[in-house]
Amino acid sequence: MTVQLLRYYDPATEAFISLKAKGLPLGVDAAIPYRESSATIKDGQVLFIGTDGIWETSNEMGELFGKDRLKAVIRQHADQSARNILLAVHAAAEEFRGELKQEDDLTIVIVKLQAE
């Protein structure tokens, strides 16, 4: 599993902002040094981390799900909870794939900041 996408979505500006992370995911190898970086995520923004299995999911016609479809699902469900966004992404990828077997992992983490 390789993390390929680390971004957040800002519903206020409808922008997807890429976070510049490099190297292995934290915890894969204790001997690897890590550089620390930070970003400020605000209330209502959606952080998502995922593997290429999401946008490389193909349908029966050989089309890829793609990053644009992934972004559209996140944008459409950004007003919902992190869990609901996650479920929507998985459902959209499964519906797109149809009867084909999933060839790669679908790994995605959604974090949504919400004021109490």
C-alpha atoms as a PDB file:
ATOM      1  CA  MET A   1       0.000   0.000   0.000  1.00  0.00           C
ATOM      2  CA  THR A   2       1.416   3.348  -1.003  1.00  0.00           C
ATOM      3  CA  VAL A   3      -0.211   6.587   0.047  1.00  0.00           C
ATOM      4  CA  GLN A   4      -0.647   8.550  -3.126  1.00  0.00           C
ATOM      5  CA  LEU A   5      -2.974  11.353  -2.174  1.00  0.00           C
ATOM      6  CA  LEU A   6      -2.897  13.729   0.749  1.00  0.00           C
ATOM      7  CA  ARG A   7      -5.220  16.683   0.296  1.00  0.00           C
ATOM      8  CA  TYR A   8      -7.935  18.621   1.937  1.00  0.00           C
ATOM      9  CA  TYR A   9     -11.084  20.162   0.599  1.00  0.00           C
ATOM     10  CA  ASP A  10     -12.252  23.614   1.656  1.00  0.00           C
ATOM     11  CA  PRO A  11     -16.016  23.943   1.068  1.00  0.00           C
ATOM     12  CA  ALA A  12     -15.837  27.722   1.619  1.00  0.00           C
ATOM     13  CA  THR A  13     -13.646  28.175  -1.468  1.00  0.00           C
ATOM     14  CA  GLU A  14     -14.474  24.848  -3.194  1.00  0.00           C
ATOM     15  CA  ALA A  15     -10.713  24.301  -3.486  1.00  0.00           C
ATOM     16  CA  PHE A  16      -8.735  21.088  -3.127  1.00  0.00           C
ATOM     17  CA  ILE A  17      -5.368  21.808  -1.545  1.00  0.00           C
ATOM     18  CA  SER A  18      -2.525  19.316  -1.889  1.00  0.00           C
ATOM     19  CA  LEU A  19      -0.340  18.716   1.147  1.00  0.00           C
ATOM     20  CA  LYS A  20       3.283  18.122   0.259  1.00  0.00           C
ATOM     21  CA  ALA A  21       4.208  14.918   2.064  1.00  0.00           C
ATOM     22  CA  LYS A  22       7.127  12.773   0.963  1.00  0.00           C
ATOM     23  CA  GLY A  23       8.485   9.412   1.996  1.00  0.00           C
ATOM     24  CA  LEU A  24       6.931   6.334   3.525  1.00  0.00           C
ATOM     25  CA  PRO A  25       3.791   6.520   5.653  1.00  0.00           C
ATOM     26  CA  LEU A  26       4.566   7.011   9.346  1.00  0.00           C
ATOM     27  CA  GLY A  27       5.219   3.754  11.171  1.00  0.00           C
ATOM     28  CA  VAL A  28       6.176   1.628   8.161  1.00  0.00           C
ATOM     29  CA  ASP A  29       9.860   1.473   9.098  1.00  0.00           C
ATOM     30  CA  ALA A  30      11.128   2.676  12.475  1.00  0.00           C
ATOM     31  CA  ALA A  31      14.627   3.210  11.021  1.00  0.00           C
ATOM     32  CA  ILE A  32      13.453   5.779   8.464  1.00  0.00           C
ATOM     33  CA  PRO A  33      13.846   9.425   9.545  1.00  0.00           C
ATOM     34  CA  TYR A  34      10.791  11.625   9.025  1.00  0.00           C
ATOM     35  CA  ARG A  35      10.509  15.313   8.336  1.00  0.00           C
ATOM     36  CA  GLU A  36       7.815  17.127  10.191  1.00  0.00           C
ATOM     37  CA  SER A  37       5.519  19.500   8.353  1.00  0.00           C
ATOM     38  CA  SER A  38       2.235  21.112   9.215  1.00  0.00           C
ATOM     39  CA  ALA A  39      -0.854  22.673   7.717  1.00  0.00           C
ATOM     40  CA  THR A  40      -3.742  24.490   9.312  1.00  0.00           C
ATOM     41  CA  ILE A  41      -7.058  22.751   8.736  1.00  0.00           C
ATOM     42  CA  LYS A  42     -10.131  24.800   9.611  1.00  0.00           C
ATOM     43  CA  ASP A  43     -13.653  23.980  10.725  1.00  0.00           C
ATOM     44  CA  GLY A  44     -15.657  22.303   7.956  1.00  0.00           C
ATOM     45  CA  GLN A  45     -12.647  21.304   5.881  1.00  0.00           C
ATOM     46  CA  VAL A  46     -12.173  17.679   4.869  1.00  0.00           C
ATOM     47  CA  LEU A  47      -8.765  16.009   4.967  1.00  0.00           C
ATOM     48  CA  PHE A  48      -8.430  12.884   2.860  1.00  0.00           C
ATOM     49  CA  ILE A  49      -5.595  10.426   2.497  1.00  0.00           C
ATOM     50  CA  GLY A  50      -5.883   7.609   0.028  1.00  0.00           C
ATOM     51  CA  THR A  51      -4.183   5.042  -2.137  1.00  0.00           C
ATOM     52  CA  ASP A  52      -4.203   4.815  -5.915  1.00  0.00           C
ATOM     53  CA  GLY A  53      -6.661   1.904  -5.757  1.00  0.00           C
ATOM     54  CA  ILE A  54      -9.453   4.451  -5.409  1.00  0.00           C
ATOM     55  CA  TRP A  55      -8.948   6.420  -8.608  1.00  0.00           C
ATOM     56  CA  GLU A  56      -7.501   3.461 -10.529  1.00  0.00           C
ATOM     57  CA  THR A  57     -10.684   1.431 -10.024  1.00  0.00           C
ATOM     58  CA  SER A  58     -11.902   0.574 -13.509  1.00  0.00           C
ATOM     59  CA  ASN A  59     -15.316  -0.186 -14.916  1.00  0.00           C
ATOM     60  CA  GLU A  60     -16.405  -2.726 -17.530  1.00  0.00           C
ATOM     61  CA  MET A  61     -15.515  -0.304 -20.348  1.00  0.00           C
ATOM     62  CA  GLY A  62     -11.943   0.110 -19.049  1.00  0.00           C
ATOM     63  CA  GLU A  63     -12.460   3.648 -17.781  1.00  0.00           C
ATOM     64  CA  LEU A  64     -10.813   4.698 -14.525  1.00  0.00           C
ATOM     65  CA  PHE A  65     -12.767   6.160 -11.611  1.00  0.00           C
ATOM     66  CA  GLY A  66     -10.227   8.977 -11.556  1.00  0.00           C
ATOM     67  CA  LYS A  67      -9.380  11.802  -9.207  1.00  0.00           C
ATOM     68  CA  ASP A  68     -12.060  14.078 -10.668  1.00  0.00           C
ATOM     69  CA  ARG A  69     -14.822  11.632  -9.669  1.00  0.00           C
ATOM     70  CA  LEU A  70     -13.237  11.241  -6.236  1.00  0.00           C
ATOM     71  CA  LYS A  71     -13.201  15.008  -5.786  1.00  0.00           C
ATOM     72  CA  ALA A  72     -16.808  15.266  -6.987  1.00  0.00           C
ATOM     73  CA  VAL A  73     -17.958  12.740  -4.364  1.00  0.00           C
ATOM     74  CA  ILE A  74     -16.078  14.564  -1.604  1.00  0.00           C
ATOM     75  CA  ARG A  75     -17.444  17.925  -2.767  1.00  0.00           C
ATOM     76  CA  GLN A  76     -21.010  16.556  -2.934  1.00  0.00           C
ATOM     77  CA  HIS A  77     -20.867  15.105   0.599  1.00  0.00           C
ATOM     78  CA  ALA A  78     -18.621  17.690   2.300  1.00  0.00           C
ATOM     79  CA  ASP A  79     -21.483  18.891   4.509  1.00  0.00           C
ATOM     80  CA  GLN A  80     -21.811  15.400   6.025  1.00  0.00           C
ATOM     81  CA  SER A  81     -19.787  13.551   8.652  1.00  0.00           C
ATOM     82  CA  ALA A  82     -16.397  12.005   7.879  1.00  0.00           C
ATOM     83  CA  ARG A  83     -17.978   8.551   8.084  1.00  0.00           C
ATOM     84  CA  ASN A  84     -20.676   9.458   5.562  1.00  0.00           C
ATOM     85  CA  ILE A  85     -18.082  10.925   3.181  1.00  0.00           C
ATOM     86  CA  LEU A  86     -16.059   7.720   3.477  1.00  0.00           C
ATOM     87  CA  LEU A  87     -19.124   5.563   2.814  1.00  0.00           C
ATOM     88  CA  ALA A  88     -20.051   7.736  -0.176  1.00  0.00           C
ATOM     89  CA  VAL A  89     -16.584   7.339  -1.720  1.00  0.00           C
ATOM     90  CA  HIS A  90     -16.681   3.553  -1.302  1.00  0.00           C
ATOM     91  CA  ALA A  91     -20.238   3.339  -2.675  1.00  0.00           C
ATOM     92  CA  ALA A  92     -19.368   5.503  -5.690  1.00  0.00           C
ATOM     93  CA  ALA A  93     -16.283   3.404  -6.491  1.00  0.00           C
ATOM     94  CA  GLU A  94     -18.260   0.153  -6.155  1.00  0.00           C
ATOM     95  CA  GLU A  95     -21.091   1.437  -8.325  1.00  0.00           C
ATOM     96  CA  PHE A  96     -18.602   2.642 -10.936  1.00  0.00           C
ATOM     97  CA  ARG A  97     -16.796  -0.737 -10.937  1.00  0.00           C
ATOM     98  CA  GLY A  98     -20.018  -2.669 -11.451  1.00  0.00           C
ATOM     99  CA  GLU A  99     -19.610  -6.447 -11.544  1.00  0.00           C
ATOM    100  CA  LEU A 100     -15.827  -6.364 -11.967  1.00  0.00           C
ATOM    101  CA  LYS A 101     -13.597  -7.682  -9.198  1.00  0.00           C
ATOM    102  CA  GLN A 102     -11.703  -5.013  -7.256  1.00  0.00           C
ATOM    103  CA  GLU A 103      -8.063  -5.489  -8.267  1.00  0.00           C
ATOM    104  CA  ASP A 104      -6.396  -3.119  -5.795  1.00  0.00           C
ATOM    105  CA  ASP A 105      -7.043  -1.969  -2.262  1.00  0.00           C
ATOM    106  CA  LEU A 106      -9.451   0.899  -1.644  1.00  0.00           C
ATOM    107  CA  THR A 107      -7.843   2.635   1.283  1.00  0.00           C
ATOM    108  CA  ILE A 108      -9.002   6.079   2.305  1.00  0.00           C
ATOM    109  CA  VAL A 109      -8.955   8.053   5.531  1.00  0.00           C
ATOM    110  CA  ILE A 110     -11.318  10.988   5.954  1.00  0.00           C
ATOM    111  CA  VAL A 111     -10.928  13.546   8.733  1.00  0.00           C
ATOM    112  CA  LYS A 112     -13.414  16.370   9.072  1.00  0.00           C
ATOM    113  CA  LEU A 113     -13.087  19.211  11.508  1.00  0.00           C
ATOM    114  CA  GLN A 114     -16.333  20.270  13.123  1.00  0.00           C
ATOM    115  CA  ALA A 115     -16.818  22.824  15.870  1.00  0.00           C
ATOM    116  CA  GLU A 116     -18.649  21.529  18.877  1.00  0.00           C
END
